[in-house]
N, C-alpha and C. Protein backbone atom coordinates (compact mmCIF):
# COMPACT_ATOMS: atom_id res chain seq x y z
N MET A 1 66.67 62.94 -0.96
CA MET A 1 67.20 63.16 0.38
C MET A 1 66.09 62.96 1.42
N ILE A 2 66.43 62.26 2.48
CA ILE A 2 65.46 61.98 3.54
C ILE A 2 65.47 63.14 4.53
N ASP A 3 64.26 63.62 4.89
CA ASP A 3 64.18 64.74 5.85
C ASP A 3 64.33 64.25 7.29
N LYS A 4 64.53 65.22 8.20
CA LYS A 4 64.79 64.91 9.62
C LYS A 4 63.65 64.12 10.25
N ALA A 5 62.43 64.52 9.98
CA ALA A 5 61.26 63.88 10.59
C ALA A 5 61.19 62.40 10.20
N THR A 6 61.47 62.10 8.96
CA THR A 6 61.42 60.71 8.50
C THR A 6 62.53 59.89 9.16
N LYS A 7 63.74 60.47 9.24
CA LYS A 7 64.86 59.80 9.90
C LYS A 7 64.52 59.49 11.35
N SER A 8 63.97 60.50 12.01
CA SER A 8 63.62 60.37 13.43
C SER A 8 62.56 59.30 13.62
N ALA A 9 61.59 59.27 12.74
CA ALA A 9 60.51 58.28 12.84
C ALA A 9 61.06 56.87 12.63
N LYS A 10 61.96 56.71 11.65
CA LYS A 10 62.55 55.39 11.39
C LYS A 10 63.39 54.92 12.58
N ARG A 11 64.17 55.87 13.16
CA ARG A 11 65.00 55.54 14.33
C ARG A 11 64.11 55.09 15.49
N ARG A 12 63.03 55.83 15.68
CA ARG A 12 62.09 55.52 16.77
C ARG A 12 61.46 54.15 16.55
N GLU A 13 61.07 53.88 15.34
CA GLU A 13 60.46 52.59 14.98
C GLU A 13 61.43 51.44 15.24
N LYS A 14 62.68 51.63 14.84
CA LYS A 14 63.71 50.61 15.06
C LYS A 14 63.94 50.38 16.56
N TYR A 15 63.96 51.50 17.31
CA TYR A 15 64.16 51.39 18.76
C TYR A 15 63.02 50.61 19.40
N LEU A 16 61.78 50.94 19.06
CA LEU A 16 60.61 50.27 19.66
C LEU A 16 60.59 48.77 19.31
N ALA A 17 61.01 48.45 18.09
CA ALA A 17 61.03 47.05 17.67
C ALA A 17 62.09 46.25 18.43
N ASN A 18 63.17 46.90 18.83
CA ASN A 18 64.28 46.21 19.50
C ASN A 18 64.51 46.71 20.94
N LYS A 19 63.49 47.25 21.54
CA LYS A 19 63.60 47.87 22.86
C LYS A 19 64.22 46.94 23.91
N ASP A 20 63.69 45.73 24.01
CA ASP A 20 64.17 44.77 25.03
C ASP A 20 65.63 44.39 24.78
N LYS A 21 65.95 44.13 23.50
CA LYS A 21 67.31 43.76 23.13
C LYS A 21 68.30 44.89 23.46
N ILE A 22 67.90 46.13 23.14
CA ILE A 22 68.75 47.31 23.39
C ILE A 22 68.95 47.49 24.89
N SER A 23 67.86 47.37 25.63
CA SER A 23 67.90 47.53 27.09
C SER A 23 68.83 46.50 27.72
N LYS A 24 68.71 45.25 27.28
CA LYS A 24 69.57 44.18 27.81
C LYS A 24 71.04 44.45 27.48
N ALA A 25 71.29 44.88 26.25
CA ALA A 25 72.66 45.18 25.83
C ALA A 25 73.26 46.32 26.66
N GLN A 26 72.43 47.34 26.93
CA GLN A 26 72.90 48.47 27.75
C GLN A 26 73.23 48.02 29.17
N LYS A 27 72.37 47.17 29.75
CA LYS A 27 72.60 46.66 31.11
C LYS A 27 73.87 45.82 31.16
N ASP A 28 74.02 44.94 30.17
CA ASP A 28 75.22 44.09 30.11
C ASP A 28 76.48 44.95 30.01
N TYR A 29 76.43 45.94 29.13
CA TYR A 29 77.58 46.83 28.95
C TYR A 29 77.91 47.54 30.27
N TYR A 30 76.86 48.05 30.92
CA TYR A 30 77.07 48.77 32.19
C TYR A 30 77.70 47.85 33.24
N LEU A 31 77.20 46.61 33.34
CA LEU A 31 77.73 45.68 34.33
C LEU A 31 79.20 45.32 34.04
N ARG A 32 79.55 45.18 32.75
CA ARG A 32 80.94 44.87 32.38
C ARG A 32 81.87 46.05 32.67
N LYS A 33 81.38 47.25 32.43
CA LYS A 33 82.23 48.45 32.52
C LYS A 33 81.90 49.32 33.74
N LYS A 34 81.18 48.76 34.69
CA LYS A 34 80.67 49.51 35.84
C LYS A 34 81.74 50.38 36.53
N GLU A 35 82.84 49.76 36.92
CA GLU A 35 83.89 50.49 37.64
C GLU A 35 84.48 51.62 36.80
N GLY A 36 84.74 51.31 35.53
CA GLY A 36 85.29 52.32 34.63
C GLY A 36 84.34 53.49 34.44
N ILE A 37 83.04 53.19 34.31
CA ILE A 37 82.02 54.23 34.14
C ILE A 37 81.96 55.11 35.38
N LYS A 38 81.98 54.47 36.54
CA LYS A 38 81.95 55.24 37.80
C LYS A 38 83.15 56.17 37.90
N GLU A 39 84.31 55.63 37.56
CA GLU A 39 85.54 56.44 37.60
C GLU A 39 85.47 57.61 36.63
N ASP A 40 84.98 57.33 35.41
CA ASP A 40 84.85 58.39 34.39
C ASP A 40 83.89 59.48 34.87
N ARG A 41 82.76 59.06 35.45
CA ARG A 41 81.79 60.03 35.95
C ARG A 41 82.38 60.89 37.08
N LYS A 42 83.08 60.20 37.99
CA LYS A 42 83.72 60.89 39.11
C LYS A 42 84.74 61.91 38.60
N LYS A 43 85.56 61.48 37.64
CA LYS A 43 86.60 62.34 37.06
C LYS A 43 85.95 63.55 36.36
N TYR A 44 84.90 63.26 35.58
CA TYR A 44 84.20 64.34 34.87
C TYR A 44 83.63 65.35 35.87
N TYR A 45 83.02 64.82 36.94
CA TYR A 45 82.43 65.69 37.95
C TYR A 45 83.49 66.59 38.60
N GLU A 46 84.62 66.00 38.97
CA GLU A 46 85.69 66.77 39.61
C GLU A 46 86.22 67.86 38.68
N GLU A 47 86.34 67.54 37.39
CA GLU A 47 86.87 68.51 36.43
C GLU A 47 85.86 69.60 36.10
N ASN A 48 84.56 69.32 36.23
CA ASN A 48 83.52 70.26 35.80
C ASN A 48 82.55 70.62 36.93
N LYS A 49 83.02 70.55 38.16
CA LYS A 49 82.18 70.78 39.34
C LYS A 49 81.38 72.09 39.24
N ASP A 50 82.10 73.20 38.99
CA ASP A 50 81.44 74.51 38.96
C ASP A 50 80.40 74.60 37.85
N LYS A 51 80.76 74.08 36.69
CA LYS A 51 79.84 74.11 35.54
C LYS A 51 78.57 73.31 35.84
N ILE A 52 78.76 72.13 36.45
CA ILE A 52 77.62 71.26 36.79
C ILE A 52 76.73 71.94 37.82
N LYS A 53 77.35 72.49 38.87
CA LYS A 53 76.57 73.15 39.92
C LYS A 53 75.79 74.34 39.37
N GLU A 54 76.41 75.10 38.48
CA GLU A 54 75.75 76.26 37.87
C GLU A 54 74.55 75.81 37.03
N ARG A 55 74.76 74.72 36.26
CA ARG A 55 73.67 74.18 35.44
C ARG A 55 72.52 73.69 36.32
N GLN A 56 72.86 73.01 37.43
CA GLN A 56 71.84 72.51 38.35
C GLN A 56 71.08 73.66 39.00
N LYS A 57 71.82 74.70 39.37
CA LYS A 57 71.20 75.87 39.99
C LYS A 57 70.22 76.54 39.03
N LYS A 58 70.66 76.68 37.78
CA LYS A 58 69.83 77.29 36.74
C LYS A 58 68.57 76.45 36.50
N TYR A 59 68.76 75.14 36.43
CA TYR A 59 67.62 74.24 36.21
C TYR A 59 66.65 74.32 37.40
N GLY A 60 67.21 74.29 38.62
CA GLY A 60 66.39 74.33 39.84
C GLY A 60 65.57 75.60 39.93
N ALA A 61 66.13 76.72 39.49
CA ALA A 61 65.41 78.00 39.53
C ALA A 61 64.20 77.97 38.60
N GLY A 62 64.32 77.26 37.49
CA GLY A 62 63.22 77.19 36.53
C GLY A 62 62.25 76.06 36.80
N HIS A 63 62.62 75.13 37.66
CA HIS A 63 61.78 73.96 37.95
C HIS A 63 61.73 73.69 39.46
N PRO A 64 61.17 74.61 40.26
CA PRO A 64 61.19 74.43 41.72
C PRO A 64 60.46 73.18 42.20
N GLU A 65 59.37 72.79 41.51
CA GLU A 65 58.62 71.60 41.94
C GLU A 65 59.42 70.33 41.73
N VAL A 66 60.20 70.28 40.64
CA VAL A 66 61.05 69.12 40.37
C VAL A 66 62.16 69.05 41.42
N LEU A 67 62.77 70.19 41.70
CA LEU A 67 63.84 70.25 42.70
C LEU A 67 63.33 69.81 44.07
N LYS A 68 62.14 70.25 44.42
CA LYS A 68 61.54 69.88 45.70
C LYS A 68 61.32 68.36 45.77
N ARG A 69 60.84 67.78 44.66
CA ARG A 69 60.59 66.34 44.61
C ARG A 69 61.90 65.56 44.72
N ILE A 70 62.96 66.05 44.06
CA ILE A 70 64.26 65.38 44.10
C ILE A 70 64.82 65.40 45.52
N LYS A 71 64.74 66.58 46.18
CA LYS A 71 65.25 66.70 47.55
C LYS A 71 64.48 65.78 48.50
N LYS A 72 63.15 65.75 48.34
CA LYS A 72 62.33 64.90 49.20
C LYS A 72 62.69 63.43 49.01
N SER A 73 62.86 63.04 47.76
CA SER A 73 63.22 61.67 47.43
C SER A 73 64.58 61.31 48.05
N TYR A 74 65.54 62.22 47.94
CA TYR A 74 66.87 61.98 48.51
C TYR A 74 66.78 61.80 50.02
N LYS A 75 66.01 62.69 50.68
CA LYS A 75 65.88 62.61 52.14
C LYS A 75 65.26 61.29 52.57
N LEU A 76 64.27 60.81 51.80
CA LEU A 76 63.63 59.55 52.14
C LEU A 76 64.58 58.36 51.96
N ARG A 77 65.40 58.40 50.91
CA ARG A 77 66.35 57.31 50.66
C ARG A 77 67.52 57.33 51.64
N ASN A 78 67.85 58.50 52.15
CA ASN A 78 69.04 58.65 53.00
C ASN A 78 68.68 59.25 54.37
N LYS A 79 67.67 58.70 55.01
CA LYS A 79 67.19 59.25 56.28
C LYS A 79 68.30 59.37 57.33
N ASP A 80 69.05 58.29 57.54
CA ASP A 80 70.09 58.30 58.58
C ASP A 80 71.18 59.31 58.25
N LYS A 81 71.60 59.32 56.99
CA LYS A 81 72.65 60.25 56.55
C LYS A 81 72.19 61.70 56.73
N THR A 82 70.94 62.00 56.33
CA THR A 82 70.38 63.34 56.46
C THR A 82 70.27 63.75 57.92
N LYS A 83 69.80 62.81 58.73
CA LYS A 83 69.63 63.08 60.16
C LYS A 83 70.98 63.43 60.81
N GLU A 84 71.99 62.65 60.49
CA GLU A 84 73.34 62.87 61.03
C GLU A 84 73.89 64.22 60.56
N TYR A 85 73.72 64.51 59.28
CA TYR A 85 74.20 65.78 58.72
C TYR A 85 73.52 66.95 59.42
N ASN A 86 72.18 66.85 59.58
CA ASN A 86 71.43 67.93 60.24
C ASN A 86 71.89 68.14 61.67
N LYS A 87 72.14 67.05 62.37
CA LYS A 87 72.58 67.13 63.76
C LYS A 87 73.90 67.89 63.86
N ILE A 88 74.84 67.54 62.98
CA ILE A 88 76.15 68.20 62.97
C ILE A 88 76.00 69.67 62.57
N TYR A 89 75.23 69.91 61.53
CA TYR A 89 75.04 71.28 61.03
C TYR A 89 74.43 72.17 62.11
N ILE A 90 73.39 71.67 62.77
CA ILE A 90 72.70 72.43 63.81
C ILE A 90 73.65 72.76 64.96
N SER A 91 74.44 71.77 65.39
CA SER A 91 75.36 72.01 66.51
C SER A 91 76.44 73.02 66.14
N GLU A 92 76.86 73.04 64.87
CA GLU A 92 77.91 73.96 64.45
C GLU A 92 77.40 75.37 64.11
N HIS A 93 76.10 75.51 63.87
CA HIS A 93 75.56 76.80 63.42
C HIS A 93 74.43 77.31 64.31
N LYS A 94 74.49 77.06 65.61
CA LYS A 94 73.41 77.46 66.52
C LYS A 94 73.13 78.96 66.46
N GLU A 95 74.17 79.76 66.61
CA GLU A 95 73.99 81.22 66.63
C GLU A 95 73.43 81.73 65.30
N GLN A 96 73.98 81.23 64.21
CA GLN A 96 73.53 81.67 62.89
C GLN A 96 72.05 81.31 62.67
N ARG A 97 71.68 80.10 63.08
CA ARG A 97 70.29 79.67 62.94
C ARG A 97 69.37 80.53 63.79
N ARG A 98 69.81 80.86 65.01
CA ARG A 98 69.03 81.71 65.90
C ARG A 98 68.80 83.08 65.27
N GLU A 99 69.87 83.65 64.71
CA GLU A 99 69.78 84.96 64.05
C GLU A 99 68.86 84.90 62.83
N ASN A 100 69.03 83.85 62.02
CA ASN A 100 68.19 83.69 60.84
C ASN A 100 66.72 83.56 61.22
N LYS A 101 66.46 82.82 62.30
CA LYS A 101 65.07 82.64 62.75
C LYS A 101 64.48 83.97 63.21
N LYS A 102 65.27 84.76 63.96
CA LYS A 102 64.80 86.08 64.41
C LYS A 102 64.44 86.96 63.22
N ILE A 103 65.33 86.96 62.22
CA ILE A 103 65.09 87.77 61.02
C ILE A 103 63.83 87.30 60.30
N TRP A 104 63.69 85.97 60.13
CA TRP A 104 62.53 85.43 59.44
C TRP A 104 61.25 85.76 60.19
N VAL A 105 61.27 85.58 61.51
CA VAL A 105 60.08 85.84 62.32
C VAL A 105 59.69 87.32 62.24
N SER A 106 60.70 88.22 62.29
CA SER A 106 60.38 89.65 62.21
C SER A 106 59.79 90.03 60.85
N LYS A 107 60.18 89.31 59.79
CA LYS A 107 59.66 89.59 58.45
C LYS A 107 58.32 88.90 58.19
N ASN A 108 58.01 87.86 58.97
CA ASN A 108 56.81 87.05 58.71
C ASN A 108 55.92 86.93 59.95
N LYS A 109 55.68 88.06 60.61
CA LYS A 109 54.89 88.04 61.86
C LYS A 109 53.49 87.45 61.64
N ASP A 110 52.85 87.81 60.54
CA ASP A 110 51.51 87.29 60.28
C ASP A 110 51.52 85.78 60.09
N LYS A 111 52.53 85.26 59.38
CA LYS A 111 52.64 83.82 59.17
C LYS A 111 52.81 83.09 60.49
N VAL A 112 53.69 83.65 61.35
CA VAL A 112 53.97 83.04 62.65
C VAL A 112 52.70 83.04 63.50
N LYS A 113 52.03 84.20 63.54
CA LYS A 113 50.81 84.32 64.33
C LYS A 113 49.75 83.36 63.81
N ASN A 114 49.61 83.31 62.47
CA ASN A 114 48.63 82.42 61.86
C ASN A 114 48.93 80.96 62.19
N GLN A 115 50.22 80.59 62.15
CA GLN A 115 50.63 79.22 62.45
C GLN A 115 50.32 78.87 63.91
N LYS A 116 50.62 79.80 64.83
CA LYS A 116 50.34 79.55 66.25
C LYS A 116 48.84 79.39 66.49
N LEU A 117 48.05 80.28 65.89
CA LEU A 117 46.59 80.21 66.06
C LEU A 117 46.05 78.90 65.49
N LYS A 118 46.58 78.50 64.35
CA LYS A 118 46.12 77.26 63.70
C LYS A 118 46.47 76.04 64.55
N MET A 119 47.70 76.01 65.05
CA MET A 119 48.15 74.86 65.84
C MET A 119 47.44 74.78 67.19
N LYS A 120 47.34 75.92 67.87
CA LYS A 120 46.84 75.91 69.24
C LYS A 120 45.30 75.91 69.32
N TYR A 121 44.66 76.71 68.45
CA TYR A 121 43.20 76.88 68.56
C TYR A 121 42.42 76.45 67.33
N ASN A 122 43.12 76.05 66.27
CA ASN A 122 42.50 75.65 65.01
C ASN A 122 41.66 76.78 64.40
N ILE A 123 42.19 78.01 64.49
CA ILE A 123 41.55 79.15 63.83
C ILE A 123 42.62 79.87 62.99
N THR A 124 42.16 80.68 62.05
CA THR A 124 43.09 81.43 61.21
C THR A 124 43.24 82.85 61.74
N LEU A 125 44.18 83.57 61.18
CA LEU A 125 44.39 84.97 61.54
C LEU A 125 43.15 85.78 61.18
N GLU A 126 42.49 85.42 60.08
CA GLU A 126 41.26 86.11 59.67
C GLU A 126 40.17 85.92 60.73
N ASP A 127 40.04 84.69 61.27
CA ASP A 127 39.06 84.42 62.34
C ASP A 127 39.37 85.29 63.57
N PHE A 128 40.66 85.34 63.92
CA PHE A 128 41.11 86.12 65.07
C PHE A 128 40.75 87.60 64.88
N ASN A 129 41.08 88.13 63.69
CA ASN A 129 40.81 89.55 63.41
C ASN A 129 39.31 89.84 63.37
N ARG A 130 38.50 88.88 62.89
CA ARG A 130 37.05 89.04 62.88
C ARG A 130 36.52 89.12 64.32
N MET A 131 37.00 88.24 65.21
CA MET A 131 36.57 88.29 66.62
C MET A 131 36.98 89.61 67.25
N LEU A 132 38.17 90.08 66.94
CA LEU A 132 38.68 91.34 67.46
C LEU A 132 37.76 92.49 67.04
N GLU A 133 37.35 92.46 65.77
CA GLU A 133 36.46 93.50 65.25
C GLU A 133 35.07 93.41 65.89
N GLU A 134 34.54 92.19 66.04
CA GLU A 134 33.23 91.98 66.65
C GLU A 134 33.19 92.48 68.10
N GLN A 135 34.33 92.38 68.80
CA GLN A 135 34.41 92.81 70.20
C GLN A 135 34.92 94.25 70.31
N ASN A 136 35.01 94.97 69.19
CA ASN A 136 35.48 96.36 69.17
C ASN A 136 36.84 96.52 69.85
N SER A 137 37.71 95.54 69.69
CA SER A 137 39.06 95.53 70.29
C SER A 137 39.00 95.67 71.81
N CYS A 138 37.93 95.11 72.41
CA CYS A 138 37.77 95.17 73.87
C CYS A 138 37.67 93.76 74.45
N CYS A 139 38.08 93.63 75.71
CA CYS A 139 38.02 92.35 76.42
C CYS A 139 36.57 91.92 76.59
N GLY A 140 36.31 90.63 76.42
CA GLY A 140 34.97 90.08 76.55
C GLY A 140 34.43 90.11 77.97
N ILE A 141 35.28 90.25 78.98
CA ILE A 141 34.81 90.27 80.37
C ILE A 141 34.83 91.69 80.94
N CYS A 142 36.01 92.32 81.00
CA CYS A 142 36.10 93.64 81.64
C CYS A 142 35.73 94.79 80.70
N GLY A 143 35.73 94.54 79.39
CA GLY A 143 35.32 95.56 78.43
C GLY A 143 36.37 96.61 78.12
N GLU A 144 37.57 96.49 78.68
CA GLU A 144 38.64 97.47 78.41
C GLU A 144 39.28 97.20 77.06
N LYS A 145 39.76 98.28 76.44
CA LYS A 145 40.45 98.17 75.14
C LYS A 145 41.72 97.34 75.35
N PHE A 146 42.04 96.51 74.35
CA PHE A 146 43.26 95.71 74.42
C PHE A 146 44.47 96.60 74.23
N LEU A 147 45.40 96.57 75.18
CA LEU A 147 46.65 97.30 75.06
C LEU A 147 47.76 96.36 74.59
N ASP A 148 47.53 95.08 74.80
CA ASP A 148 48.48 94.03 74.44
C ASP A 148 47.78 93.06 73.50
N ILE A 149 48.46 92.03 73.06
CA ILE A 149 47.83 91.03 72.20
C ILE A 149 46.79 90.28 73.02
N PRO A 150 45.54 90.21 72.53
CA PRO A 150 44.49 89.52 73.28
C PRO A 150 44.73 88.01 73.38
N CYS A 151 44.19 87.42 74.43
CA CYS A 151 44.26 85.97 74.62
C CYS A 151 43.00 85.35 74.02
N VAL A 152 43.16 84.19 73.40
CA VAL A 152 42.01 83.48 72.85
C VAL A 152 41.45 82.62 73.98
N ASP A 153 40.24 82.96 74.41
CA ASP A 153 39.61 82.20 75.49
C ASP A 153 38.87 81.01 74.88
N HIS A 154 39.11 79.83 75.46
CA HIS A 154 38.48 78.62 74.94
C HIS A 154 38.18 77.66 76.08
N ASP A 155 37.19 76.81 75.86
CA ASP A 155 36.83 75.78 76.82
C ASP A 155 37.88 74.68 76.72
N HIS A 156 38.54 74.37 77.83
CA HIS A 156 39.63 73.40 77.81
C HIS A 156 39.13 71.96 77.62
N MET A 157 37.87 71.73 77.87
CA MET A 157 37.32 70.38 77.69
C MET A 157 36.91 70.16 76.22
N THR A 158 36.14 71.12 75.67
CA THR A 158 35.61 70.94 74.31
C THR A 158 36.48 71.62 73.25
N GLU A 159 37.42 72.47 73.68
CA GLU A 159 38.30 73.25 72.79
C GLU A 159 37.52 74.30 71.98
N LYS A 160 36.27 74.57 72.38
CA LYS A 160 35.45 75.56 71.67
C LYS A 160 35.92 76.97 72.05
N ILE A 161 36.08 77.83 71.04
CA ILE A 161 36.52 79.21 71.25
C ILE A 161 35.34 80.03 71.75
N ARG A 162 35.58 80.80 72.85
CA ARG A 162 34.53 81.65 73.41
C ARG A 162 34.68 83.10 72.99
N GLY A 163 35.90 83.53 72.74
CA GLY A 163 36.15 84.92 72.36
C GLY A 163 37.54 85.35 72.80
N LEU A 164 37.74 86.68 72.85
CA LEU A 164 39.05 87.22 73.20
C LEU A 164 38.98 87.92 74.56
N LEU A 165 40.02 87.73 75.36
CA LEU A 165 40.09 88.34 76.69
C LEU A 165 41.45 89.01 76.86
N CYS A 166 41.48 89.98 77.81
CA CYS A 166 42.78 90.57 78.17
C CYS A 166 43.52 89.54 79.02
N ARG A 167 44.80 89.76 79.21
CA ARG A 167 45.63 88.80 79.94
C ARG A 167 45.13 88.58 81.37
N LYS A 168 44.71 89.67 82.05
CA LYS A 168 44.25 89.55 83.45
C LYS A 168 42.99 88.69 83.55
N CYS A 169 42.02 88.99 82.70
CA CYS A 169 40.77 88.22 82.75
C CYS A 169 41.00 86.76 82.36
N ASN A 170 41.84 86.54 81.37
CA ASN A 170 42.14 85.18 80.95
C ASN A 170 42.84 84.41 82.07
N SER A 171 43.75 85.07 82.79
CA SER A 171 44.44 84.42 83.91
C SER A 171 43.45 84.09 85.01
N GLY A 172 42.50 84.99 85.26
CA GLY A 172 41.48 84.75 86.28
C GLY A 172 40.63 83.54 85.93
N MET A 173 40.22 83.47 84.66
CA MET A 173 39.42 82.33 84.21
C MET A 173 40.23 81.03 84.34
N GLY A 174 41.48 81.10 83.94
CA GLY A 174 42.35 79.92 84.01
C GLY A 174 42.60 79.51 85.44
N GLY A 175 42.78 80.50 86.33
CA GLY A 175 43.02 80.22 87.74
C GLY A 175 41.83 79.54 88.40
N LEU A 176 40.64 79.86 87.93
CA LEU A 176 39.43 79.22 88.46
C LEU A 176 39.04 77.99 87.63
N LYS A 177 39.93 77.57 86.78
CA LYS A 177 39.81 76.32 86.01
C LYS A 177 38.54 76.23 85.17
N ASP A 178 38.02 77.37 84.73
CA ASP A 178 36.79 77.42 83.90
C ASP A 178 35.62 76.71 84.58
N ASP A 179 35.67 76.61 85.90
CA ASP A 179 34.64 75.90 86.65
C ASP A 179 33.56 76.88 87.10
N PRO A 180 32.32 76.75 86.61
CA PRO A 180 31.25 77.67 86.98
C PRO A 180 31.01 77.74 88.50
N ILE A 181 31.20 76.63 89.19
CA ILE A 181 30.99 76.60 90.64
C ILE A 181 32.04 77.48 91.32
N LEU A 182 33.31 77.34 90.89
CA LEU A 182 34.37 78.18 91.46
C LEU A 182 34.13 79.65 91.13
N LEU A 183 33.67 79.92 89.91
CA LEU A 183 33.37 81.31 89.51
C LEU A 183 32.25 81.87 90.38
N PHE A 184 31.23 81.07 90.64
CA PHE A 184 30.12 81.50 91.49
C PHE A 184 30.60 81.75 92.93
N ARG A 185 31.45 80.84 93.45
CA ARG A 185 32.01 81.02 94.79
C ARG A 185 32.85 82.30 94.87
N ALA A 186 33.61 82.56 93.80
CA ALA A 186 34.43 83.79 93.76
C ALA A 186 33.53 85.01 93.79
N LEU A 187 32.42 84.96 93.07
CA LEU A 187 31.46 86.07 93.06
C LEU A 187 30.86 86.26 94.46
N GLU A 188 30.48 85.18 95.09
CA GLU A 188 29.94 85.25 96.46
C GLU A 188 30.99 85.81 97.42
N TRP A 189 32.21 85.41 97.26
CA TRP A 189 33.32 85.88 98.11
C TRP A 189 33.47 87.39 98.00
N ILE A 190 33.41 87.88 96.76
CA ILE A 190 33.55 89.32 96.53
C ILE A 190 32.37 90.07 97.15
N LYS A 191 31.16 89.53 96.96
CA LYS A 191 29.96 90.17 97.51
C LYS A 191 30.01 90.21 99.02
N ARG A 192 30.51 89.15 99.67
CA ARG A 192 30.54 89.03 101.13
C ARG A 192 31.53 90.02 101.72
N ALA A 193 32.63 90.24 101.02
CA ALA A 193 33.65 91.16 101.55
C ALA A 193 33.14 92.56 101.34
């Protein structure tokens, strides 16, 4: 009696020897029966929709990276279709999306803050917290304790971060356009009055 491993090896050997012939035969068969195959697949899907979706869901839960790759591939192949679907979905679910976003933001405040800091100033939340600690939670200009979220003061020309300021001091700096000459004139103005 031949064991399973030997049978499998012989089958594999036969397949490799006739790979091109088998592949051509499969393609020819598919082309001849294309419409019938499509109909059979469609019929099978309709009859077993729930079972298929459950199996896909189960597979996706165990293979998130594969699922992500499949979704990305689909979106790339069907850009116009995806874009149109998203447009319709967004217009029909504005309130729900707004509510979902509020819930997500309230649960992920650190992520949101980190994202804003990264996008706007190219620093992380850890950098922000380190500056806050270095300044003893006080404004870099007036020295008062922060009662609100501090503003990240930066040079608008070089984008270099200078430190953290309270809203009033940051507005003053912004109003004087970070111009040392204007700051000096403002100082002279105050002294003169």
